[in-house]
Amino acid sequence: MTESTLEPDRAGSVPPDRIRDSRAVAARFAALSHPARIEILKHLSASNSCCCREVVDRFDLAQSTVSQHLKILVEAGLVRFEPDRQRSRYAVDRAALAETSASLSALVNSCCSGR
């Protein structure tokens, strides 16, 4: 996402691809809006991958709660899900997290460049 993501084109409207990009970024920001998900991301980033049980053992959260948080992170594209026999493995998508960071930096720069 560039600094001009939602700037209108010559016709005065925002192109659909820019809106889709902004929605994807917003979904990632929304996924990061819960403290437990941030802590889960930190935990996952410390290893190559973890199963849900390993995350549950680390935090004082029910298995169903951890599963729901992981589902949200996967749907936002911040965490990769890999089936592994009877257990599922989860890993941080570092490229997606870096893109999200760059999007936030671009947004901050575009909003604060006049100061």
N, C-alpha and C. Protein backbone atom coordinates (compact mmCIF):
# COMPACT_ATOMS: atom_id res chain seq x y z
N MET A 1 0.84 -1.17 0.00
CA MET A 1 0.00 0.00 0.00
C MET A 1 0.89 1.23 0.00
N THR A 2 0.60 2.13 -0.89
CA THR A 2 1.39 3.35 -0.97
C THR A 2 0.71 4.46 -0.20
N GLU A 3 1.44 5.56 -0.04
CA GLU A 3 0.89 6.69 0.70
C GLU A 3 -0.39 7.21 0.05
N SER A 4 -0.51 7.07 -1.26
CA SER A 4 -1.66 7.62 -1.96
C SER A 4 -2.76 6.58 -2.20
N THR A 5 -2.83 5.57 -1.36
CA THR A 5 -3.74 4.46 -1.58
C THR A 5 -5.18 4.89 -1.80
N LEU A 6 -5.68 5.82 -1.04
CA LEU A 6 -7.07 6.19 -1.18
C LEU A 6 -7.27 7.53 -1.86
N GLU A 7 -6.24 8.06 -2.50
CA GLU A 7 -6.41 9.29 -3.25
C GLU A 7 -7.21 8.98 -4.51
N PRO A 8 -8.14 9.85 -4.85
CA PRO A 8 -8.95 9.61 -6.06
C PRO A 8 -8.09 9.62 -7.32
N ASP A 9 -8.55 8.88 -8.32
CA ASP A 9 -7.86 8.91 -9.61
C ASP A 9 -8.33 10.14 -10.38
N ARG A 10 -7.95 10.26 -11.64
CA ARG A 10 -8.31 11.44 -12.43
C ARG A 10 -9.81 11.63 -12.56
N ALA A 11 -10.56 10.55 -12.51
CA ALA A 11 -12.02 10.64 -12.62
C ALA A 11 -12.67 11.04 -11.30
N GLY A 12 -11.86 11.14 -10.23
CA GLY A 12 -12.39 11.57 -8.94
C GLY A 12 -12.87 10.44 -8.05
N SER A 13 -12.61 9.19 -8.42
CA SER A 13 -13.03 8.07 -7.58
C SER A 13 -11.82 7.24 -7.18
N VAL A 14 -11.99 6.50 -6.11
CA VAL A 14 -10.93 5.62 -5.63
C VAL A 14 -11.04 4.29 -6.36
N PRO A 15 -9.98 3.86 -7.05
CA PRO A 15 -10.03 2.59 -7.80
C PRO A 15 -10.31 1.40 -6.88
N PRO A 16 -11.06 0.41 -7.39
CA PRO A 16 -11.43 -0.76 -6.58
C PRO A 16 -10.23 -1.51 -6.01
N ASP A 17 -9.11 -1.59 -6.75
CA ASP A 17 -7.95 -2.31 -6.23
C ASP A 17 -7.38 -1.61 -5.01
N ARG A 18 -7.44 -0.31 -4.96
CA ARG A 18 -6.96 0.43 -3.79
C ARG A 18 -7.87 0.20 -2.59
N ILE A 19 -9.17 0.11 -2.85
CA ILE A 19 -10.12 -0.15 -1.77
C ILE A 19 -9.89 -1.55 -1.22
N ARG A 20 -9.69 -2.54 -2.11
CA ARG A 20 -9.40 -3.91 -1.67
C ARG A 20 -8.14 -3.95 -0.82
N ASP A 21 -7.09 -3.26 -1.26
CA ASP A 21 -5.84 -3.22 -0.50
C ASP A 21 -6.07 -2.61 0.88
N SER A 22 -6.83 -1.53 0.93
CA SER A 22 -7.11 -0.87 2.21
C SER A 22 -7.93 -1.76 3.13
N ARG A 23 -8.86 -2.52 2.55
CA ARG A 23 -9.65 -3.45 3.36
C ARG A 23 -8.77 -4.54 3.95
N ALA A 24 -7.84 -5.04 3.15
CA ALA A 24 -6.93 -6.09 3.64
C ALA A 24 -6.06 -5.55 4.78
N VAL A 25 -5.57 -4.33 4.62
CA VAL A 25 -4.76 -3.72 5.68
C VAL A 25 -5.61 -3.51 6.92
N ALA A 26 -6.83 -3.04 6.75
CA ALA A 26 -7.74 -2.82 7.88
C ALA A 26 -8.03 -4.14 8.61
N ALA A 27 -8.18 -5.22 7.86
CA ALA A 27 -8.42 -6.53 8.48
C ALA A 27 -7.21 -6.96 9.30
N ARG A 28 -6.02 -6.68 8.81
CA ARG A 28 -4.81 -7.01 9.58
C ARG A 28 -4.72 -6.16 10.83
N PHE A 29 -5.02 -4.87 10.71
CA PHE A 29 -5.01 -4.01 11.90
C PHE A 29 -6.04 -4.49 12.91
N ALA A 30 -7.22 -4.88 12.43
CA ALA A 30 -8.27 -5.38 13.33
C ALA A 30 -7.80 -6.65 14.05
N ALA A 31 -7.11 -7.52 13.33
CA ALA A 31 -6.60 -8.74 13.95
C ALA A 31 -5.57 -8.43 15.02
N LEU A 32 -4.85 -7.33 14.85
CA LEU A 32 -3.84 -6.92 15.83
C LEU A 32 -4.43 -6.11 16.98
N SER A 33 -5.74 -5.89 16.97
CA SER A 33 -6.35 -5.01 17.97
C SER A 33 -6.63 -5.67 19.31
N HIS A 34 -6.33 -6.95 19.43
CA HIS A 34 -6.57 -7.65 20.69
C HIS A 34 -5.23 -8.00 21.34
N PRO A 35 -5.06 -7.67 22.62
CA PRO A 35 -3.77 -7.95 23.29
C PRO A 35 -3.37 -9.43 23.26
N ALA A 36 -4.33 -10.33 23.37
CA ALA A 36 -3.99 -11.77 23.35
C ALA A 36 -3.41 -12.16 22.00
N ARG A 37 -3.94 -11.59 20.92
CA ARG A 37 -3.42 -11.93 19.59
C ARG A 37 -2.01 -11.39 19.40
N ILE A 38 -1.74 -10.24 19.95
CA ILE A 38 -0.37 -9.71 19.88
C ILE A 38 0.58 -10.62 20.64
N GLU A 39 0.17 -11.07 21.82
CA GLU A 39 1.01 -11.98 22.60
C GLU A 39 1.19 -13.32 21.88
N ILE A 40 0.13 -13.81 21.23
CA ILE A 40 0.23 -15.06 20.47
C ILE A 40 1.22 -14.87 19.32
N LEU A 41 1.15 -13.74 18.62
CA LEU A 41 2.12 -13.47 17.54
C LEU A 41 3.54 -13.46 18.07
N LYS A 42 3.75 -12.83 19.21
CA LYS A 42 5.09 -12.80 19.81
C LYS A 42 5.57 -14.22 20.11
N HIS A 43 4.67 -15.03 20.66
CA HIS A 43 5.02 -16.41 20.99
C HIS A 43 5.35 -17.21 19.72
N LEU A 44 4.51 -17.07 18.70
CA LEU A 44 4.75 -17.79 17.45
C LEU A 44 6.05 -17.34 16.78
N SER A 45 6.37 -16.07 16.90
CA SER A 45 7.57 -15.55 16.23
C SER A 45 8.86 -16.06 16.87
N ALA A 46 8.76 -16.58 18.08
CA ALA A 46 9.94 -17.11 18.76
C ALA A 46 10.32 -18.51 18.28
N SER A 47 9.46 -19.12 17.47
CA SER A 47 9.77 -20.46 16.95
C SER A 47 9.35 -20.54 15.49
N ASN A 48 9.73 -21.62 14.83
CA ASN A 48 9.34 -21.80 13.43
C ASN A 48 7.84 -22.02 13.29
N SER A 49 7.28 -22.82 14.18
CA SER A 49 5.83 -23.06 14.19
C SER A 49 5.45 -23.70 15.52
N CYS A 50 4.17 -23.59 15.86
CA CYS A 50 3.65 -24.17 17.09
C CYS A 50 2.29 -24.78 16.80
N CYS A 51 1.92 -25.76 17.61
CA CYS A 51 0.55 -26.27 17.53
C CYS A 51 -0.29 -25.48 18.53
N CYS A 52 -1.58 -25.57 18.39
CA CYS A 52 -2.50 -24.82 19.26
C CYS A 52 -2.25 -25.17 20.73
N ARG A 53 -2.02 -26.43 21.02
CA ARG A 53 -1.80 -26.87 22.40
C ARG A 53 -0.60 -26.14 23.02
N GLU A 54 0.45 -25.93 22.25
CA GLU A 54 1.63 -25.22 22.77
C GLU A 54 1.29 -23.78 23.12
N VAL A 55 0.42 -23.17 22.34
CA VAL A 55 -0.01 -21.80 22.63
C VAL A 55 -0.90 -21.79 23.87
N VAL A 56 -1.82 -22.75 23.96
CA VAL A 56 -2.70 -22.86 25.12
C VAL A 56 -1.88 -23.03 26.39
N ASP A 57 -0.85 -23.86 26.34
CA ASP A 57 -0.02 -24.10 27.52
C ASP A 57 0.73 -22.84 27.96
N ARG A 58 0.97 -21.94 27.06
CA ARG A 58 1.73 -20.72 27.35
C ARG A 58 0.87 -19.63 27.97
N PHE A 59 -0.41 -19.61 27.64
CA PHE A 59 -1.29 -18.54 28.08
C PHE A 59 -2.43 -19.08 28.95
N ASP A 60 -2.97 -18.23 29.76
CA ASP A 60 -4.09 -18.59 30.62
C ASP A 60 -5.40 -18.36 29.87
N LEU A 61 -5.55 -19.09 28.77
CA LEU A 61 -6.73 -18.98 27.92
C LEU A 61 -7.24 -20.37 27.60
N ALA A 62 -8.55 -20.48 27.43
CA ALA A 62 -9.14 -21.77 27.04
C ALA A 62 -8.69 -22.14 25.63
N GLN A 63 -8.68 -23.43 25.36
CA GLN A 63 -8.29 -23.91 24.02
C GLN A 63 -9.18 -23.30 22.95
N SER A 64 -10.47 -23.20 23.22
CA SER A 64 -11.38 -22.65 22.22
C SER A 64 -11.08 -21.17 21.96
N THR A 65 -10.68 -20.45 22.98
CA THR A 65 -10.33 -19.03 22.83
C THR A 65 -9.07 -18.88 21.99
N VAL A 66 -8.06 -19.69 22.28
CA VAL A 66 -6.82 -19.65 21.51
C VAL A 66 -7.11 -20.01 20.06
N SER A 67 -7.92 -21.04 19.84
CA SER A 67 -8.28 -21.44 18.47
C SER A 67 -8.95 -20.29 17.72
N GLN A 68 -9.84 -19.57 18.39
CA GLN A 68 -10.53 -18.45 17.76
C GLN A 68 -9.54 -17.33 17.42
N HIS A 69 -8.63 -17.02 18.34
CA HIS A 69 -7.62 -16.00 18.07
C HIS A 69 -6.73 -16.41 16.90
N LEU A 70 -6.32 -17.67 16.86
CA LEU A 70 -5.49 -18.16 15.76
C LEU A 70 -6.26 -18.08 14.44
N LYS A 71 -7.53 -18.42 14.46
CA LYS A 71 -8.37 -18.35 13.25
C LYS A 71 -8.40 -16.91 12.72
N ILE A 72 -8.57 -15.94 13.58
CA ILE A 72 -8.61 -14.54 13.18
C ILE A 72 -7.27 -14.12 12.58
N LEU A 73 -6.17 -14.54 13.19
CA LEU A 73 -4.84 -14.21 12.67
C LEU A 73 -4.59 -14.87 11.32
N VAL A 74 -5.07 -16.09 11.15
CA VAL A 74 -4.93 -16.79 9.87
C VAL A 74 -5.76 -16.09 8.80
N GLU A 75 -7.02 -15.78 9.12
CA GLU A 75 -7.90 -15.13 8.15
C GLU A 75 -7.37 -13.76 7.73
N ALA A 76 -6.67 -13.08 8.63
CA ALA A 76 -6.09 -11.78 8.31
C ALA A 76 -4.80 -11.93 7.51
N GLY A 77 -4.29 -13.14 7.41
CA GLY A 77 -3.07 -13.39 6.64
C GLY A 77 -1.79 -13.14 7.41
N LEU A 78 -1.88 -12.98 8.72
CA LEU A 78 -0.69 -12.72 9.53
C LEU A 78 -0.03 -14.01 10.02
N VAL A 79 -0.79 -15.08 10.04
CA VAL A 79 -0.30 -16.38 10.50
C VAL A 79 -0.67 -17.41 9.44
N ARG A 80 0.27 -18.33 9.20
CA ARG A 80 0.03 -19.43 8.26
C ARG A 80 -0.43 -20.66 9.05
N PHE A 81 -1.36 -21.38 8.49
CA PHE A 81 -1.89 -22.61 9.06
C PHE A 81 -1.42 -23.78 8.21
N GLU A 82 -0.87 -24.80 8.86
CA GLU A 82 -0.41 -25.98 8.14
C GLU A 82 -0.91 -27.22 8.87
N PRO A 83 -1.77 -28.02 8.22
CA PRO A 83 -2.20 -29.27 8.86
C PRO A 83 -1.02 -30.22 9.00
N ASP A 84 -0.91 -30.86 10.16
CA ASP A 84 0.19 -31.78 10.44
C ASP A 84 -0.39 -32.97 11.20
N ARG A 85 -0.85 -33.95 10.44
CA ARG A 85 -1.52 -35.13 10.99
C ARG A 85 -2.70 -34.71 11.86
N GLN A 86 -2.65 -35.06 13.16
CA GLN A 86 -3.78 -34.74 14.03
C GLN A 86 -3.65 -33.34 14.65
N ARG A 87 -2.52 -32.74 14.51
CA ARG A 87 -2.32 -31.39 15.06
C ARG A 87 -2.11 -30.41 13.93
N SER A 88 -2.55 -29.20 14.17
CA SER A 88 -2.33 -28.13 13.20
C SER A 88 -1.15 -27.29 13.66
N ARG A 89 -0.36 -26.84 12.70
CA ARG A 89 0.80 -26.01 13.03
C ARG A 89 0.52 -24.58 12.57
N TYR A 90 0.99 -23.63 13.35
CA TYR A 90 0.81 -22.22 13.06
C TYR A 90 2.17 -21.54 13.06
N ALA A 91 2.35 -20.63 12.12
CA ALA A 91 3.61 -19.89 12.02
C ALA A 91 3.31 -18.46 11.58
N VAL A 92 4.09 -17.53 12.06
CA VAL A 92 3.93 -16.13 11.67
C VAL A 92 4.30 -15.99 10.20
N ASP A 93 3.50 -15.28 9.45
CA ASP A 93 3.84 -14.92 8.08
C ASP A 93 4.61 -13.61 8.16
N ARG A 94 5.91 -13.73 8.23
CA ARG A 94 6.77 -12.56 8.47
C ARG A 94 6.67 -11.52 7.35
N ALA A 95 6.49 -11.97 6.13
CA ALA A 95 6.34 -11.04 5.00
C ALA A 95 5.06 -10.23 5.15
N ALA A 96 3.97 -10.89 5.53
CA ALA A 96 2.70 -10.19 5.72
C ALA A 96 2.79 -9.20 6.87
N LEU A 97 3.47 -9.58 7.93
CA LEU A 97 3.64 -8.67 9.06
C LEU A 97 4.49 -7.47 8.67
N ALA A 98 5.52 -7.69 7.86
CA ALA A 98 6.35 -6.58 7.37
C ALA A 98 5.55 -5.66 6.47
N GLU A 99 4.69 -6.22 5.62
CA GLU A 99 3.83 -5.40 4.76
C GLU A 99 2.87 -4.56 5.60
N THR A 100 2.36 -5.14 6.67
CA THR A 100 1.45 -4.41 7.55
C THR A 100 2.19 -3.26 8.23
N SER A 101 3.40 -3.52 8.64
CA SER A 101 4.22 -2.47 9.25
C SER A 101 4.49 -1.35 8.25
N ALA A 102 4.80 -1.71 7.02
CA ALA A 102 5.05 -0.71 5.98
C ALA A 102 3.79 0.10 5.68
N SER A 103 2.64 -0.56 5.70
CA SER A 103 1.38 0.14 5.46
C SER A 103 1.10 1.15 6.57
N LEU A 104 1.38 0.75 7.81
CA LEU A 104 1.17 1.67 8.93
C LEU A 104 2.14 2.84 8.83
N SER A 105 3.38 2.57 8.49
CA SER A 105 4.37 3.65 8.32
C SER A 105 3.94 4.62 7.22
N ALA A 106 3.45 4.08 6.11
CA ALA A 106 3.00 4.94 5.01
C ALA A 106 1.82 5.79 5.44
N LEU A 107 0.90 5.20 6.19
CA LEU A 107 -0.26 5.94 6.68
C LEU A 107 0.16 7.06 7.63
N VAL A 108 1.03 6.75 8.55
CA VAL A 108 1.51 7.76 9.50
C VAL A 108 2.24 8.87 8.75
N ASN A 109 3.09 8.50 7.80
CA ASN A 109 3.84 9.50 7.03
C ASN A 109 2.90 10.39 6.23
N SER A 110 1.87 9.83 5.62
CA SER A 110 0.95 10.63 4.82
C SER A 110 0.10 11.56 5.69
N CYS A 111 -0.23 11.09 6.89
CA CYS A 111 -1.05 11.91 7.78
C CYS A 111 -0.24 12.99 8.49
N CYS A 112 1.02 12.74 8.70
CA CYS A 112 1.84 13.66 9.50
C CYS A 112 2.87 14.42 8.69
N SER A 113 2.85 14.28 7.38
CA SER A 113 3.88 14.92 6.55
C SER A 113 3.78 16.44 6.54
N GLY A 114 2.61 16.99 6.85
CA GLY A 114 2.43 18.44 6.85
C GLY A 114 2.87 19.10 8.14
N ARG A 115 3.34 18.33 9.09
CA ARG A 115 3.72 18.89 10.40
C ARG A 115 5.17 19.16 10.48
